[in-house]
N, C-alpha and C. Protein backbone atom coordinates (compact mmCIF):
# COMPACT_ATOMS: atom_id res chain seq x y z
N UNK A 1 34.87 -0.30 -32.88
CA UNK A 1 34.34 0.93 -32.42
C UNK A 1 34.16 1.93 -33.54
N UNK A 2 34.94 1.76 -34.66
CA UNK A 2 34.84 2.72 -35.77
C UNK A 2 33.96 2.25 -36.89
N UNK A 3 33.25 1.17 -36.72
CA UNK A 3 32.42 0.64 -37.77
C UNK A 3 31.49 1.68 -38.39
N UNK A 4 30.86 2.55 -37.63
CA UNK A 4 29.98 3.55 -38.23
C UNK A 4 30.74 4.61 -39.05
N UNK A 5 32.07 4.65 -38.96
CA UNK A 5 32.83 5.68 -39.68
C UNK A 5 33.92 5.00 -40.52
N UNK A 6 33.57 4.54 -41.71
CA UNK A 6 34.51 3.76 -42.52
C UNK A 6 35.72 4.54 -43.01
N UNK A 7 35.70 5.87 -42.96
CA UNK A 7 36.89 6.66 -43.41
C UNK A 7 37.91 6.81 -42.30
N UNK A 8 37.57 6.44 -41.08
CA UNK A 8 38.52 6.50 -39.98
C UNK A 8 39.38 5.25 -40.02
N UNK A 9 40.62 5.40 -39.62
CA UNK A 9 41.53 4.24 -39.53
C UNK A 9 42.21 4.28 -38.18
N UNK A 10 42.46 3.09 -37.67
CA UNK A 10 43.24 2.94 -36.44
C UNK A 10 44.63 2.51 -36.84
N UNK A 11 45.62 3.22 -36.37
CA UNK A 11 47.02 2.86 -36.63
C UNK A 11 47.64 2.45 -35.32
N UNK A 12 48.30 1.32 -35.27
CA UNK A 12 48.89 0.84 -34.01
C UNK A 12 50.19 1.50 -33.62
N UNK A 13 50.54 2.57 -34.29
CA UNK A 13 51.88 3.18 -34.11
C UNK A 13 52.19 3.52 -32.65
N UNK A 14 51.20 3.99 -31.89
CA UNK A 14 51.47 4.36 -30.51
C UNK A 14 51.98 3.18 -29.70
N UNK A 15 51.47 2.00 -29.99
CA UNK A 15 51.92 0.81 -29.24
C UNK A 15 53.35 0.40 -29.66
N UNK A 16 53.82 0.94 -30.77
CA UNK A 16 55.15 0.60 -31.26
C UNK A 16 56.21 1.63 -30.83
N UNK A 17 55.78 2.72 -30.21
CA UNK A 17 56.69 3.76 -29.76
C UNK A 17 57.13 3.50 -28.33
N UNK A 18 58.28 4.05 -27.97
CA UNK A 18 58.81 3.88 -26.61
C UNK A 18 57.93 4.64 -25.62
N UNK A 19 57.82 4.14 -24.43
CA UNK A 19 57.11 4.82 -23.36
C UNK A 19 57.95 5.96 -22.84
N UNK A 20 57.40 6.98 -22.27
CA UNK A 20 55.94 7.19 -22.09
C UNK A 20 55.30 7.72 -23.36
N UNK A 21 54.02 7.49 -23.50
CA UNK A 21 53.27 7.95 -24.67
C UNK A 21 53.11 9.46 -24.60
N UNK A 22 53.42 10.12 -25.69
CA UNK A 22 53.27 11.56 -25.80
C UNK A 22 52.59 11.88 -27.13
N UNK A 23 51.55 12.66 -27.12
CA UNK A 23 50.79 12.99 -28.32
C UNK A 23 51.69 13.52 -29.41
N UNK A 24 52.56 14.48 -29.08
CA UNK A 24 53.44 15.07 -30.09
C UNK A 24 54.28 14.01 -30.78
N UNK A 25 54.88 13.11 -30.00
CA UNK A 25 55.73 12.09 -30.59
C UNK A 25 54.93 11.13 -31.46
N UNK A 26 53.70 10.84 -31.06
CA UNK A 26 52.81 10.00 -31.88
C UNK A 26 52.51 10.69 -33.21
N UNK A 27 52.17 11.95 -33.15
CA UNK A 27 51.89 12.72 -34.39
C UNK A 27 53.07 12.77 -35.30
N UNK A 28 54.28 13.04 -34.75
CA UNK A 28 55.46 13.10 -35.56
C UNK A 28 55.75 11.75 -36.24
N UNK A 29 55.54 10.65 -35.51
CA UNK A 29 55.73 9.33 -36.09
C UNK A 29 54.71 9.03 -37.19
N UNK A 30 53.46 9.43 -36.93
CA UNK A 30 52.40 9.26 -37.94
C UNK A 30 52.68 10.03 -39.21
N UNK A 31 53.17 11.26 -39.04
CA UNK A 31 53.50 12.09 -40.23
C UNK A 31 54.65 11.47 -41.01
N UNK A 32 55.58 10.87 -40.31
CA UNK A 32 56.68 10.22 -41.01
C UNK A 32 56.17 8.98 -41.80
N UNK A 33 55.27 8.26 -41.17
CA UNK A 33 54.71 7.03 -41.82
C UNK A 33 53.74 7.36 -42.91
N UNK A 34 52.96 8.47 -42.75
CA UNK A 34 51.91 8.81 -43.70
C UNK A 34 52.06 10.29 -44.09
N UNK A 35 53.10 10.65 -44.87
CA UNK A 35 53.35 12.07 -45.15
C UNK A 35 52.25 12.75 -45.96
N UNK A 36 51.43 11.98 -46.63
CA UNK A 36 50.36 12.57 -47.43
C UNK A 36 49.11 12.90 -46.63
N UNK A 37 49.04 12.45 -45.41
CA UNK A 37 47.81 12.58 -44.62
C UNK A 37 47.78 13.83 -43.78
N UNK A 38 46.56 14.34 -43.57
CA UNK A 38 46.33 15.44 -42.61
C UNK A 38 45.74 14.77 -41.36
N UNK A 39 46.24 15.13 -40.22
CA UNK A 39 45.77 14.51 -39.01
C UNK A 39 45.04 15.52 -38.12
N UNK A 40 44.08 15.00 -37.42
CA UNK A 40 43.34 15.76 -36.39
C UNK A 40 43.34 14.89 -35.14
N UNK A 41 43.47 15.50 -34.02
CA UNK A 41 43.48 14.76 -32.75
C UNK A 41 42.11 14.91 -32.12
N UNK A 42 41.42 13.79 -31.90
CA UNK A 42 40.08 13.81 -31.34
C UNK A 42 40.17 13.71 -29.83
N UNK A 43 39.59 14.72 -29.15
CA UNK A 43 39.62 14.71 -27.68
C UNK A 43 38.25 15.07 -27.15
N UNK A 44 37.95 14.65 -25.97
CA UNK A 44 36.76 15.10 -25.29
C UNK A 44 36.96 16.49 -24.68
N UNK A 45 35.90 17.26 -24.59
CA UNK A 45 36.02 18.61 -24.06
C UNK A 45 36.53 18.63 -22.64
N UNK A 46 36.40 17.51 -21.94
CA UNK A 46 36.88 17.42 -20.57
C UNK A 46 38.41 17.54 -20.47
N UNK A 47 39.08 17.38 -21.58
CA UNK A 47 40.55 17.47 -21.61
C UNK A 47 41.06 18.87 -21.95
N UNK A 48 40.20 19.78 -22.32
CA UNK A 48 40.65 21.10 -22.76
C UNK A 48 41.51 21.81 -21.73
N UNK A 49 41.12 21.73 -20.48
CA UNK A 49 41.88 22.43 -19.43
C UNK A 49 43.30 21.85 -19.26
N UNK A 50 43.49 20.59 -19.62
CA UNK A 50 44.77 19.93 -19.46
C UNK A 50 45.73 20.23 -20.56
N UNK A 51 45.24 20.61 -21.76
CA UNK A 51 46.09 20.71 -22.95
C UNK A 51 47.30 21.59 -22.74
N UNK A 52 47.22 22.76 -22.13
CA UNK A 52 48.42 23.58 -21.95
C UNK A 52 49.52 22.90 -21.10
N UNK A 53 49.20 21.82 -20.46
CA UNK A 53 50.20 21.10 -19.64
C UNK A 53 50.76 19.88 -20.39
N UNK A 54 50.30 19.62 -21.60
CA UNK A 54 50.78 18.47 -22.37
C UNK A 54 52.21 18.70 -22.79
N UNK A 55 52.90 17.62 -23.00
CA UNK A 55 54.30 17.62 -23.45
C UNK A 55 54.50 18.49 -24.72
N UNK A 56 55.39 19.46 -24.62
CA UNK A 56 55.71 20.40 -25.71
C UNK A 56 54.47 21.00 -26.36
N UNK A 57 53.57 21.45 -25.50
CA UNK A 57 52.29 22.01 -25.95
C UNK A 57 52.43 23.08 -27.02
N UNK A 58 53.30 24.08 -26.89
CA UNK A 58 53.38 25.10 -27.93
C UNK A 58 53.63 24.53 -29.34
N UNK A 59 54.52 23.55 -29.40
CA UNK A 59 54.83 22.92 -30.69
C UNK A 59 53.62 22.09 -31.19
N UNK A 60 52.99 21.40 -30.28
CA UNK A 60 51.87 20.55 -30.63
C UNK A 60 50.70 21.39 -31.16
N UNK A 61 50.36 22.46 -30.46
CA UNK A 61 49.18 23.24 -30.85
C UNK A 61 49.38 23.96 -32.18
N UNK A 62 50.61 24.25 -32.54
CA UNK A 62 50.88 24.95 -33.81
C UNK A 62 50.79 24.00 -35.02
N UNK A 63 50.93 22.72 -34.80
CA UNK A 63 50.99 21.83 -35.91
C UNK A 63 49.89 20.78 -36.00
N UNK A 64 48.80 21.00 -35.29
CA UNK A 64 47.78 19.95 -35.23
C UNK A 64 46.38 20.55 -35.02
N UNK A 65 45.46 20.05 -35.76
CA UNK A 65 44.04 20.42 -35.54
C UNK A 65 43.44 19.51 -34.48
N UNK A 66 42.70 20.09 -33.58
CA UNK A 66 42.02 19.34 -32.53
C UNK A 66 40.53 19.31 -32.81
N UNK A 67 39.97 18.13 -32.88
CA UNK A 67 38.52 17.96 -32.99
C UNK A 67 38.03 17.69 -31.59
N UNK A 68 37.33 18.64 -31.03
CA UNK A 68 36.87 18.59 -29.63
C UNK A 68 35.42 18.09 -29.61
N UNK A 69 35.21 16.97 -28.95
CA UNK A 69 33.88 16.36 -28.85
C UNK A 69 33.30 16.85 -27.54
N UNK A 70 32.25 17.62 -27.60
CA UNK A 70 31.59 18.15 -26.41
C UNK A 70 30.88 17.10 -25.60
N UNK A 71 30.92 17.31 -24.33
CA UNK A 71 30.16 16.45 -23.41
C UNK A 71 29.12 17.32 -22.70
N UNK A 72 27.97 16.76 -22.48
CA UNK A 72 26.90 17.55 -21.83
C UNK A 72 27.38 18.31 -20.64
N UNK A 73 27.16 19.62 -20.68
CA UNK A 73 27.46 20.45 -19.51
C UNK A 73 28.93 20.69 -19.23
N UNK A 74 29.81 20.24 -20.12
CA UNK A 74 31.24 20.40 -19.86
C UNK A 74 31.84 21.14 -21.04
N UNK A 75 31.93 22.46 -20.97
CA UNK A 75 32.52 23.23 -22.07
C UNK A 75 33.43 24.30 -21.52
N UNK A 76 34.63 23.91 -21.07
CA UNK A 76 35.60 24.93 -20.64
C UNK A 76 36.09 25.73 -21.83
N UNK A 77 36.69 26.89 -21.60
CA UNK A 77 37.18 27.69 -22.72
C UNK A 77 38.30 26.98 -23.46
N UNK A 78 38.43 27.31 -24.75
CA UNK A 78 39.50 26.73 -25.55
C UNK A 78 40.84 27.36 -25.13
N UNK A 79 41.90 26.57 -25.16
CA UNK A 79 43.23 27.15 -24.84
C UNK A 79 43.61 28.19 -25.90
N UNK A 80 44.52 29.07 -25.50
CA UNK A 80 45.00 30.11 -26.45
C UNK A 80 45.75 29.46 -27.61
N UNK A 81 45.61 29.99 -28.78
CA UNK A 81 46.31 29.48 -29.96
C UNK A 81 45.73 28.16 -30.41
N UNK A 82 46.28 27.60 -31.45
CA UNK A 82 45.85 26.31 -31.91
C UNK A 82 44.68 26.36 -32.83
N UNK A 83 44.34 25.21 -33.39
CA UNK A 83 43.26 25.05 -34.35
C UNK A 83 42.26 24.08 -33.75
N UNK A 84 41.10 24.59 -33.35
CA UNK A 84 40.12 23.76 -32.69
C UNK A 84 38.79 23.78 -33.47
N UNK A 85 38.21 22.59 -33.63
CA UNK A 85 36.89 22.43 -34.16
C UNK A 85 36.08 21.77 -33.08
N UNK A 86 34.98 22.36 -32.67
CA UNK A 86 34.16 21.82 -31.58
C UNK A 86 32.86 21.26 -32.10
N UNK A 87 32.55 20.04 -31.74
CA UNK A 87 31.30 19.41 -32.13
C UNK A 87 30.65 18.80 -30.88
N UNK A 88 29.36 19.01 -30.75
CA UNK A 88 28.63 18.38 -29.66
C UNK A 88 27.97 17.14 -30.25
N UNK A 89 28.31 16.00 -29.65
CA UNK A 89 27.76 14.75 -30.10
C UNK A 89 27.11 14.06 -28.92
N UNK A 90 26.18 13.17 -29.20
CA UNK A 90 25.56 12.37 -28.16
C UNK A 90 26.50 11.24 -27.81
N UNK A 91 27.27 11.42 -26.77
CA UNK A 91 28.20 10.41 -26.30
C UNK A 91 27.84 9.99 -24.90
N UNK A 92 28.25 8.79 -24.52
CA UNK A 92 28.04 8.40 -23.11
C UNK A 92 28.72 9.37 -22.18
N UNK A 93 28.12 9.64 -21.07
CA UNK A 93 28.70 10.62 -20.12
C UNK A 93 29.74 9.92 -19.27
N UNK A 94 30.85 9.54 -19.96
CA UNK A 94 31.96 8.88 -19.27
C UNK A 94 33.26 9.16 -20.00
N UNK A 95 34.34 9.36 -19.32
CA UNK A 95 35.61 9.61 -19.93
C UNK A 95 36.36 8.33 -20.24
N UNK A 96 37.32 8.44 -21.16
CA UNK A 96 38.12 7.26 -21.48
C UNK A 96 38.91 6.78 -20.24
N UNK A 97 39.28 7.73 -19.37
CA UNK A 97 40.00 7.36 -18.14
C UNK A 97 39.13 6.51 -17.24
N UNK A 98 37.84 6.87 -17.14
CA UNK A 98 36.91 6.09 -16.33
C UNK A 98 36.69 4.71 -16.90
N UNK A 99 36.65 4.63 -18.25
CA UNK A 99 36.46 3.32 -18.90
C UNK A 99 37.70 2.44 -18.62
N UNK A 100 38.89 3.03 -18.76
CA UNK A 100 40.13 2.27 -18.49
C UNK A 100 40.14 1.78 -17.03
N UNK A 101 39.71 2.65 -16.11
CA UNK A 101 39.68 2.23 -14.68
C UNK A 101 38.68 1.11 -14.49
N UNK A 102 37.52 1.18 -15.10
CA UNK A 102 36.50 0.14 -14.97
C UNK A 102 37.04 -1.17 -15.52
N UNK A 103 37.74 -1.14 -16.68
CA UNK A 103 38.31 -2.34 -17.23
C UNK A 103 39.36 -2.93 -16.29
N UNK A 104 40.18 -2.07 -15.71
CA UNK A 104 41.21 -2.55 -14.79
C UNK A 104 40.62 -3.26 -13.55
N UNK A 105 39.43 -2.79 -13.15
CA UNK A 105 38.76 -3.39 -11.99
C UNK A 105 37.90 -4.60 -12.41
N UNK A 106 37.85 -4.89 -13.71
CA UNK A 106 37.08 -6.02 -14.18
C UNK A 106 35.57 -5.77 -14.25
N UNK A 107 35.21 -4.51 -14.25
CA UNK A 107 33.75 -4.14 -14.28
C UNK A 107 33.19 -4.26 -15.68
N UNK A 108 31.89 -4.39 -15.75
CA UNK A 108 31.16 -4.46 -17.00
C UNK A 108 31.16 -3.09 -17.69
N UNK A 109 31.54 -3.07 -18.97
CA UNK A 109 31.58 -1.80 -19.77
C UNK A 109 30.54 -1.81 -20.87
N UNK A 110 29.58 -2.69 -20.84
CA UNK A 110 28.59 -2.79 -21.92
C UNK A 110 27.83 -1.51 -22.18
N UNK A 111 27.63 -0.71 -21.14
CA UNK A 111 26.88 0.53 -21.30
C UNK A 111 27.69 1.57 -22.11
N UNK A 112 28.98 1.40 -22.23
CA UNK A 112 29.83 2.41 -22.87
C UNK A 112 30.50 1.96 -24.14
N UNK A 113 30.76 0.64 -24.25
CA UNK A 113 31.55 0.13 -25.37
C UNK A 113 30.75 -0.84 -26.24
N UNK A 114 30.87 -0.75 -27.56
CA UNK A 114 30.19 -1.73 -28.45
C UNK A 114 30.71 -3.12 -28.21
N UNK A 115 29.90 -4.12 -28.52
CA UNK A 115 30.25 -5.52 -28.31
C UNK A 115 31.58 -5.86 -28.99
N UNK A 116 31.78 -5.41 -30.23
CA UNK A 116 33.00 -5.71 -30.94
C UNK A 116 34.23 -5.17 -30.25
N UNK A 117 34.12 -3.98 -29.68
CA UNK A 117 35.24 -3.38 -28.95
C UNK A 117 35.52 -4.16 -27.70
N UNK A 118 34.45 -4.61 -26.99
CA UNK A 118 34.65 -5.38 -25.76
C UNK A 118 35.33 -6.74 -26.09
N UNK A 119 34.94 -7.35 -27.22
CA UNK A 119 35.56 -8.62 -27.63
C UNK A 119 37.06 -8.41 -27.92
N UNK A 120 37.37 -7.32 -28.63
CA UNK A 120 38.75 -7.03 -28.95
C UNK A 120 39.56 -6.84 -27.69
N UNK A 121 39.01 -6.08 -26.76
CA UNK A 121 39.73 -5.83 -25.49
C UNK A 121 39.94 -7.14 -24.72
N UNK A 122 38.96 -8.05 -24.76
CA UNK A 122 39.09 -9.34 -24.08
C UNK A 122 40.23 -10.16 -24.73
N UNK A 123 40.37 -10.04 -26.04
CA UNK A 123 41.45 -10.76 -26.73
C UNK A 123 42.79 -10.12 -26.59
N UNK A 124 42.81 -8.85 -26.25
CA UNK A 124 44.04 -8.08 -26.16
C UNK A 124 44.17 -7.38 -24.81
N UNK A 125 44.24 -8.15 -23.74
CA UNK A 125 44.30 -7.52 -22.43
C UNK A 125 45.53 -6.65 -22.28
N UNK A 126 45.34 -5.53 -21.62
CA UNK A 126 46.45 -4.62 -21.38
C UNK A 126 46.70 -3.64 -22.50
N UNK A 127 46.01 -3.74 -23.64
CA UNK A 127 46.26 -2.83 -24.77
C UNK A 127 45.61 -1.44 -24.56
N UNK A 128 44.58 -1.38 -23.77
CA UNK A 128 43.88 -0.10 -23.55
C UNK A 128 43.99 0.17 -22.05
N UNK A 129 45.08 0.90 -21.71
CA UNK A 129 45.32 1.17 -20.26
C UNK A 129 45.70 2.62 -20.07
């Protein structure tokens, strides 16, 4: 999925952490593993309204830049505080939650996911849930 962006890296650290998954705990673990790196959390604009309810939100927003990817017609206000960069990109009009639900139901995701990503998911069932 990241082939067009060679400077991006996927780190499997979240799969190595204890459940439940929490963004703050993932970022803290990444900073410990990669102290030289600056991290930004990429989210869809459809999640902006949920951010103030995330685990330890005040601590998270003070220590992390959020790259907000706009979705057509969905631009709620930014939460108070924090460091936000907003970019409107041409993305499929579907959320990651909807893609996970479609995968769980065994539905075709070709309209939303590149072939390489679908092959990886087929080889690694249950990794994207």
